[in-house]
Amino acid sequence: MAERRKSRKVKVGKLYIGGDAPISVQSMTTTDTTDVKSTIEQIHGLEEIGCDIIRVSAPTMEAANALKDIKKNITIPLVADIHFDYRIALEAVKYVDKLRINPGNIGNEEKVKLVVQAAKDNGIPMRVGVNLGSLEKKLFDKYGYSPEAMVESALTHLKILEDLDFYDTVISLKASDVPRMVQAYKLFAEKTDYPLHLGVTEAGSKLPGAIKSAMGMGILLSEGIGDTIRVSLSEDPKEEVKAGKLILRSLGLRKDGVEVTSCPTCARTHVDVIKMVEEIENRTERIKKPIHVAIMGCAVNGPGESKKVDLGIVGGAGNTNLLYKDGRIVAKLEKDEIVETLMKEIEALNKE
C-alpha cells in the first residue's frame, strides 16, 4: 500500500472527507424524495449497516423542501443532488450537509454566484461530479471520451468556484469503464489537493458492478488515492454499502464489522461451509465491532486460519468440529450446534 495522498479536509456534517479522516462509504436513496417516510426508512436501514454519508436526489422544489424533514430524522450527513435549476439548490442548501452539483449546468455566472454564496452562508461544501457520459460537447470534440477530457472538465468547474473564493469542494471523475476512470483520477490527483470521491459510475448489477468497482477503487486506494467512495449498483442501496465496506476492509482501510474468512470447499469438507457463511454474514451485518471469524471445512488449512482470528470453526467428522477462540481449541461441536454456538460467541465479543 502506498502512502495516502495528502488532500485538504472538507467538513460534511459531523464527518470530514480528506486529510487524515477515515475513508467514508456513501450511498444514494432510490425512493421518491417527496415520499419522506419511505426515504427516511431507507436511510435508517443504510445507517444500521454502516453507511457514513447519504445522497438524495432533489429534481423538484417539492423534493428540496422534503429534505428538511428527512434531515431531522436521520443521523448521518445528508447530501442533495442538484442539476439544472439553481433555485432548487438555493432551497436545498438550507437543510443539507453538502450539495452535489455541476456549476456548468446550474446556469449563468450570476446563478452560480448565488448558489456559492448560499453554500458559504450555510457553511456547507459542494461536490463537483464529472461523469464521462455527460461531458461538455466542446471537450468531447477536443478529446473524445477520454480521461483528459474529464480532468479538464473538473478543473474548469473548479475554477468557477475558486474565482468566487470557494474551496470547500470534493471532486469525482466517474466513468463506467475502469481504465478510463482510474486514469482520470490519477491525472487529477497530480494536479490538485482537493479530496476525491471515488466511483465507477453505472457499474451494473450486484456482482458485475461490485467487481468493476473493486477493481477501479482498489487500484486507486492501493496507490493512496481516494477519500470517500460509492459503489454504484443497480441494486438495493444496502448492497452498495456492503460492497464499499468490503473494498475498504480488503485493503486494511476499514476494520469495523464481522469479517469472515472461509474456504471454497472441496471433497474434504465435513460441514456445509457455504450455508454457514451466508447465515453468519446475514445475522451479523449490523455489528460494528471488529470481529474476525474463520469457517473452514477441514483440517488442511483450518487450524492455521482459526489460530489467527478471534473465532474459528474447523470441520471434522462426527462431533470433531472444533471451535477455536483466541487461537485455542475451546470446544468440540456437533454439526447442528455450530452456527448457534458461533453466534453466541460473536454476540459475547460484541458486548465486551
Protein backbone atom coordinates (compact mmCIF):
# COMPACT_ATOMS: atom_id res chain seq x y z
CA MET A 1 0.00 0.00 0.00
CA ALA A 2 1.27 3.42 -0.95
CA GLU A 3 1.16 6.34 1.45
CA ARG A 4 -2.16 8.14 1.26
CA ARG A 5 -2.24 11.23 -0.94
CA LYS A 6 -2.26 14.45 1.08
CA SER A 7 -5.57 16.18 0.44
CA ARG A 8 -7.29 19.07 2.14
CA LYS A 9 -10.01 18.35 4.70
CA VAL A 10 -13.64 19.21 3.99
CA LYS A 11 -16.28 19.03 6.75
CA VAL A 12 -19.56 17.31 5.85
CA GLY A 13 -21.96 17.43 8.77
CA LYS A 14 -20.25 15.67 11.65
CA LEU A 15 -17.68 13.97 9.40
CA TYR A 16 -14.63 15.02 7.39
CA ILE A 17 -13.61 13.99 3.89
CA GLY A 18 -9.91 14.16 3.04
CA GLY A 19 -6.77 14.74 5.04
CA ASP A 20 -6.31 12.05 7.67
CA ALA A 21 -10.05 11.38 8.03
CA PRO A 22 -11.16 7.75 7.61
CA ILE A 23 -12.30 6.90 4.09
CA SER A 24 -16.08 7.04 4.21
CA VAL A 25 -18.69 4.92 2.44
CA GLN A 26 -21.57 6.66 0.69
CA SER A 27 -24.79 5.56 -0.95
CA MET A 28 -27.83 7.15 -2.58
CA THR A 29 -31.53 6.65 -1.95
CA THR A 30 -33.74 5.05 -4.59
CA THR A 31 -37.05 6.29 -3.19
CA ASP A 32 -39.13 9.22 -4.39
CA THR A 33 -37.68 12.02 -2.23
CA THR A 34 -41.11 13.56 -1.75
CA ASP A 35 -42.17 10.31 -0.07
CA VAL A 36 -40.48 11.40 3.13
CA LYS A 37 -41.50 8.37 5.20
CA SER A 38 -40.11 5.84 2.71
CA THR A 39 -36.93 7.85 2.21
CA ILE A 40 -36.27 8.07 5.95
CA GLU A 41 -36.93 4.34 6.37
CA GLN A 42 -34.46 3.52 3.61
CA ILE A 43 -31.81 5.78 5.14
CA HIS A 44 -32.31 4.20 8.58
CA GLY A 45 -31.65 0.79 7.05
CA LEU A 46 -28.45 2.10 5.48
CA GLU A 47 -27.35 3.72 8.74
CA GLU A 48 -27.73 0.39 10.54
CA ILE A 49 -25.27 -1.40 8.25
CA GLY A 50 -22.61 1.32 8.27
CA CYS A 51 -23.38 3.90 5.60
CA ASP A 52 -21.46 7.07 6.50
CA ILE A 53 -22.99 9.64 4.11
CA ILE A 54 -26.27 9.53 2.17
CA ARG A 55 -27.13 11.37 -1.04
CA VAL A 56 -30.69 12.20 -2.07
CA SER A 57 -31.81 13.45 -5.46
CA ALA A 58 -33.80 16.71 -5.46
CA PRO A 59 -35.14 17.16 -9.01
CA THR A 60 -38.00 19.47 -7.98
CA MET A 61 -38.72 22.21 -5.47
CA GLU A 62 -41.07 19.85 -3.66
CA ALA A 63 -38.22 17.38 -3.26
CA ALA A 64 -35.93 20.14 -1.99
CA ASN A 65 -38.49 21.10 0.65
CA ALA A 66 -38.80 17.44 1.71
CA LEU A 67 -35.11 17.47 2.68
CA LYS A 68 -35.97 19.47 5.80
CA ASP A 69 -37.97 16.65 7.39
CA ILE A 70 -35.60 13.99 6.11
CA LYS A 71 -32.63 15.71 7.74
CA LYS A 72 -34.43 15.98 11.10
CA ASN A 73 -34.96 12.22 11.23
CA ILE A 74 -31.55 10.80 10.27
CA THR A 75 -28.15 10.76 11.96
CA ILE A 76 -25.69 10.62 9.04
CA PRO A 77 -24.73 13.58 6.81
CA LEU A 78 -27.21 14.38 4.04
CA VAL A 79 -26.17 15.38 0.52
CA ALA A 80 -28.56 16.94 -2.01
CA ASP A 81 -28.01 16.01 -5.67
CA ILE A 82 -28.97 19.01 -7.81
CA HIS A 83 -28.92 19.59 -11.55
CA PHE A 84 -30.07 22.37 -13.89
CA ASP A 85 -32.18 24.57 -11.59
CA TYR A 86 -30.24 26.87 -9.25
CA ARG A 87 -33.42 27.69 -7.32
CA ILE A 88 -33.65 24.09 -6.12
CA ALA A 89 -30.07 24.34 -4.86
CA LEU A 90 -30.90 27.58 -3.00
CA GLU A 91 -33.73 25.80 -1.20
CA ALA A 92 -31.88 22.54 -0.54
CA VAL A 93 -28.83 24.28 0.90
CA LYS A 94 -30.88 25.30 3.94
CA TYR A 95 -31.32 21.71 5.09
CA VAL A 96 -28.39 19.56 3.96
CA ASP A 97 -24.73 19.00 4.81
CA LYS A 98 -23.40 19.11 1.24
CA LEU A 99 -24.50 19.88 -2.31
CA ARG A 100 -23.61 17.75 -5.32
CA ILE A 101 -23.68 19.97 -8.39
CA ASN A 102 -22.01 20.75 -11.67
CA PRO A 103 -21.53 24.53 -11.83
CA GLY A 104 -21.67 24.28 -15.62
CA ASN A 105 -25.30 23.12 -15.70
CA ILE A 106 -26.70 25.28 -12.90
CA GLY A 107 -27.00 28.35 -15.10
CA ASN A 108 -25.15 31.57 -15.86
CA GLU A 109 -22.43 33.10 -13.69
CA GLU A 110 -24.88 35.10 -11.61
CA LYS A 111 -26.85 31.97 -10.72
CA VAL A 112 -23.68 30.09 -9.79
CA LYS A 113 -22.67 33.02 -7.56
CA LEU A 114 -25.99 32.80 -5.74
CA VAL A 115 -25.54 29.06 -5.08
CA VAL A 116 -21.95 29.51 -3.93
CA GLN A 117 -22.90 32.35 -1.60
CA ALA A 118 -25.72 30.26 -0.15
CA ALA A 119 -23.28 27.40 0.49
CA LYS A 120 -20.90 29.82 2.20
CA ASP A 121 -23.67 31.33 4.31
CA ASN A 122 -24.77 27.88 5.45
CA GLY A 123 -21.23 26.58 5.92
CA ILE A 124 -21.59 23.56 3.65
CA PRO A 125 -19.27 22.13 0.98
CA MET A 126 -20.02 21.05 -2.57
CA ARG A 127 -19.03 18.12 -4.73
CA VAL A 128 -18.30 18.72 -8.37
CA GLY A 129 -19.18 15.47 -10.09
CA VAL A 130 -17.75 14.88 -13.56
CA ASN A 131 -19.14 11.90 -15.48
CA LEU A 132 -17.67 10.65 -18.75
CA GLY A 133 -21.17 10.14 -20.13
CA SER A 134 -22.17 13.79 -19.73
CA LEU A 135 -19.07 15.68 -20.83
CA GLU A 136 -19.39 19.13 -22.32
CA LYS A 137 -19.59 18.98 -26.12
CA LYS A 138 -16.52 21.15 -26.64
CA LEU A 139 -14.41 18.80 -24.52
CA PHE A 140 -15.75 15.75 -26.31
CA ASP A 141 -14.93 17.38 -29.65
CA LYS A 142 -11.42 18.16 -28.39
CA TYR A 143 -10.54 14.90 -26.61
CA GLY A 144 -13.29 12.35 -27.26
CA TYR A 145 -14.34 10.13 -24.35
CA SER A 146 -11.03 10.36 -22.54
CA PRO A 147 -9.56 10.85 -19.07
CA GLU A 148 -8.01 14.11 -20.27
CA ALA A 149 -11.46 15.46 -21.09
CA MET A 150 -12.73 14.56 -17.63
CA VAL A 151 -9.80 16.25 -15.91
CA GLU A 152 -10.19 19.44 -17.94
CA SER A 153 -13.91 19.48 -17.15
CA ALA A 154 -13.20 19.13 -13.42
CA LEU A 155 -10.55 21.87 -13.47
CA THR A 156 -12.86 24.19 -15.42
CA HIS A 157 -15.66 23.70 -12.89
CA LEU A 158 -13.24 24.17 -10.02
CA LYS A 159 -12.03 27.45 -11.44
CA ILE A 160 -15.60 28.76 -11.46
CA LEU A 161 -15.78 28.09 -7.72
CA GLU A 162 -12.26 29.30 -6.96
CA ASP A 163 -12.94 32.59 -8.77
CA LEU A 164 -15.78 33.02 -6.27
CA ASP A 165 -13.39 32.26 -3.38
CA PHE A 166 -14.98 28.88 -2.68
CA TYR A 167 -12.65 26.00 -1.82
CA ASP A 168 -14.75 23.60 0.29
CA THR A 169 -15.04 21.23 -2.64
CA VAL A 170 -14.86 17.49 -3.21
CA ILE A 171 -14.26 16.15 -6.73
CA SER A 172 -15.32 13.00 -8.54
CA LEU A 173 -14.35 11.86 -12.04
CA LYS A 174 -16.51 8.86 -12.80
CA ALA A 175 -16.66 6.62 -15.84
CA SER A 176 -18.41 3.30 -16.43
CA ASP A 177 -15.22 1.61 -17.61
CA VAL A 178 -12.41 1.01 -15.16
CA PRO A 179 -9.28 2.00 -17.14
CA ARG A 180 -10.52 5.49 -18.04
CA MET A 181 -11.88 6.07 -14.54
CA VAL A 182 -8.56 5.08 -12.96
CA GLN A 183 -6.51 7.22 -15.33
CA ALA A 184 -8.74 10.26 -14.82
CA TYR A 185 -8.34 10.15 -11.05
CA LYS A 186 -4.59 9.63 -11.31
CA LEU A 187 -4.18 12.59 -13.66
CA PHE A 188 -6.32 14.84 -11.48
CA ALA A 189 -4.63 13.75 -8.25
CA GLU A 190 -1.30 15.01 -9.61
CA LYS A 191 -2.70 18.48 -10.24
CA THR A 192 -4.56 19.45 -7.05
CA ASP A 193 -5.02 18.60 -3.38
CA TYR A 194 -8.82 18.55 -3.42
CA PRO A 195 -10.34 15.47 -1.72
CA LEU A 196 -11.57 12.79 -4.11
CA HIS A 197 -14.84 10.89 -4.15
CA LEU A 198 -14.18 7.59 -5.95
CA GLY A 199 -16.67 5.67 -8.03
CA VAL A 200 -17.22 3.63 -11.18
CA THR A 201 -20.47 5.13 -12.40
CA GLU A 202 -23.32 2.96 -13.68
CA ALA A 203 -21.26 -0.08 -12.71
CA GLY A 204 -24.13 -2.51 -13.29
CA SER A 205 -25.90 -5.19 -11.30
CA LYS A 206 -24.80 -6.65 -7.99
CA LEU A 207 -21.90 -8.95 -8.91
CA PRO A 208 -20.52 -7.30 -12.09
CA GLY A 209 -20.87 -3.84 -10.54
CA ALA A 210 -19.16 -4.83 -7.30
CA ILE A 211 -16.26 -6.39 -9.21
CA LYS A 212 -15.82 -3.37 -11.51
CA SER A 213 -15.94 -1.06 -8.51
CA ALA A 214 -13.50 -3.15 -6.53
CA MET A 215 -11.05 -3.17 -9.42
CA GLY A 216 -11.21 0.58 -10.07
CA MET A 217 -11.31 1.73 -6.49
CA GLY A 218 -8.88 -0.93 -5.33
CA ILE A 219 -6.21 0.22 -7.78
CA LEU A 220 -6.58 3.84 -6.70
CA LEU A 221 -6.87 3.21 -2.98
CA SER A 222 -3.82 0.94 -3.01
CA GLU A 223 -1.91 3.85 -4.54
CA GLY A 224 -3.11 6.22 -1.81
CA ILE A 225 -5.74 7.98 -3.93
CA GLY A 226 -9.28 8.44 -2.60
CA ASP A 227 -11.04 9.97 0.40
CA THR A 228 -14.62 8.71 0.14
CA ILE A 229 -16.28 6.04 -2.03
CA ARG A 230 -19.60 5.00 -3.50
CA VAL A 231 -20.26 1.68 -5.22
CA SER A 232 -22.97 2.44 -7.82
CA LEU A 233 -25.15 -0.64 -8.34
CA SER A 234 -28.48 -1.37 -9.99
CA GLU A 235 -29.48 -2.92 -6.69
CA ASP A 236 -30.79 -2.22 -3.22
CA PRO A 237 -28.53 0.55 -1.82
CA LYS A 238 -27.65 -1.75 1.10
CA GLU A 239 -25.62 -3.81 -1.37
CA GLU A 240 -23.65 -0.68 -2.27
CA VAL A 241 -22.75 -0.11 1.36
CA LYS A 242 -21.80 -3.75 1.94
CA ALA A 243 -19.57 -3.74 -1.15
CA GLY A 244 -17.96 -0.44 -0.21
CA LYS A 245 -17.13 -1.62 3.30
CA LEU A 246 -15.67 -4.86 1.93
CA ILE A 247 -13.46 -2.99 -0.54
CA LEU A 248 -12.02 -0.87 2.27
CA ARG A 249 -11.70 -3.85 4.63
CA SER A 250 -9.88 -5.88 1.96
CA LEU A 251 -7.21 -3.19 1.80
CA GLY A 252 -6.96 -2.78 5.56
CA LEU A 253 -8.58 0.66 5.38
CA ARG A 254 -11.62 -0.19 7.49
CA LYS A 255 -11.79 -2.51 10.48
CA ASP A 256 -15.41 -2.39 11.67
CA GLY A 257 -17.84 -5.27 11.42
CA VAL A 258 -17.61 -9.03 11.32
CA GLU A 259 -15.10 -10.33 8.78
CA VAL A 260 -15.45 -13.96 7.71
CA THR A 261 -12.56 -15.98 6.32
CA SER A 262 -13.86 -19.17 4.71
CA CYS A 263 -12.65 -21.91 2.42
CA PRO A 264 -14.10 -22.50 -1.08
CA THR A 265 -14.95 -26.13 -0.09
CA CYS A 266 -13.93 -29.39 -1.76
CA ALA A 267 -14.38 -33.14 -1.29
CA ARG A 268 -12.57 -32.95 2.07
CA THR A 269 -15.19 -30.59 3.53
CA HIS A 270 -17.03 -32.01 6.56
CA VAL A 271 -19.53 -29.16 7.13
CA ASP A 272 -21.75 -27.00 4.92
CA VAL A 273 -19.40 -24.02 4.81
CA ILE A 274 -21.39 -22.13 2.17
CA LYS A 275 -24.65 -22.23 4.15
CA MET A 276 -22.90 -21.36 7.43
CA VAL A 277 -21.06 -18.37 5.97
CA GLU A 278 -24.24 -16.98 4.43
CA GLU A 279 -26.14 -17.29 7.70
CA ILE A 280 -23.37 -15.79 9.84
CA GLU A 281 -22.89 -12.85 7.48
CA ASN A 282 -26.63 -12.13 7.34
CA ARG A 283 -27.05 -12.32 11.11
CA THR A 284 -24.05 -10.12 11.90
CA GLU A 285 -24.35 -7.36 9.25
CA ARG A 286 -25.38 -4.76 11.86
CA ILE A 287 -22.47 -5.46 14.22
CA LYS A 288 -19.91 -2.68 14.06
CA LYS A 289 -17.25 -4.01 16.43
CA PRO A 290 -14.28 -5.56 14.54
CA ILE A 291 -14.55 -9.34 14.92
CA HIS A 292 -12.69 -11.81 12.68
CA VAL A 293 -14.19 -15.27 12.18
CA ALA A 294 -12.87 -18.27 10.22
CA ILE A 295 -15.19 -21.02 8.94
CA MET A 296 -13.10 -23.80 7.46
CA GLY A 297 -14.25 -27.15 6.11
CA CYS A 298 -11.36 -29.41 7.06
CA ALA A 299 -8.04 -29.77 8.85
CA VAL A 300 -5.78 -28.84 5.93
CA ASN A 301 -5.80 -25.05 6.34
CA GLY A 302 -8.48 -24.86 9.04
CA PRO A 303 -6.28 -24.89 12.15
CA GLY A 304 -3.84 -22.32 10.76
CA GLU A 305 -6.60 -19.90 9.78
CA SER A 306 -8.52 -20.42 13.03
CA LYS A 307 -5.50 -19.76 15.24
CA LYS A 308 -5.03 -16.22 13.90
CA VAL A 309 -8.61 -14.93 14.23
CA ASP A 310 -10.98 -14.18 17.11
CA LEU A 311 -13.18 -17.22 16.50
CA GLY A 312 -12.71 -20.20 14.22
CA ILE A 313 -14.52 -23.34 13.14
CA VAL A 314 -12.66 -26.34 11.70
CA GLY A 315 -14.92 -29.01 10.26
CA GLY A 316 -14.34 -32.64 11.16
CA ALA A 317 -16.12 -35.98 11.07
CA GLY A 318 -18.95 -36.53 13.56
CA ASN A 319 -18.61 -34.35 16.66
CA THR A 320 -14.99 -33.39 15.95
CA ASN A 321 -15.89 -29.95 14.61
CA LEU A 322 -13.55 -27.71 16.55
CA LEU A 323 -14.29 -24.24 17.93
CA TYR A 324 -11.25 -22.01 18.31
CA LYS A 325 -11.20 -18.88 20.44
CA ASP A 326 -8.17 -16.59 20.64
CA GLY A 327 -6.08 -19.24 18.91
CA ARG A 328 -7.02 -22.15 21.21
CA ILE A 329 -9.44 -25.05 20.87
CA VAL A 330 -12.24 -24.47 23.39
CA ALA A 331 -14.94 -26.93 22.31
CA LYS A 332 -15.94 -29.83 20.08
CA LEU A 333 -19.30 -29.37 18.42
CA GLU A 334 -21.94 -31.39 16.60
CA LYS A 335 -22.74 -30.05 13.14
CA ASP A 336 -26.13 -28.71 14.21
CA GLU A 337 -24.54 -26.79 17.10
CA ILE A 338 -22.00 -24.84 15.08
CA VAL A 339 -23.97 -21.80 13.90
CA GLU A 340 -25.78 -21.06 17.16
CA THR A 341 -22.63 -21.58 19.23
CA LEU A 342 -20.65 -19.32 16.93
CA MET A 343 -23.36 -16.64 17.09
CA LYS A 344 -23.35 -16.73 20.90
CA GLU A 345 -19.58 -16.26 20.91
CA ILE A 346 -19.80 -13.40 18.40
CA GLU A 347 -22.50 -11.67 20.45
CA ALA A 348 -20.42 -12.08 23.61
CA LEU A 349 -17.39 -10.50 21.94
CA ASN A 350 -19.58 -7.68 20.65
CA LYS A 351 -20.65 -6.85 24.21
CA GLU A 352 -17.11 -6.74 25.62
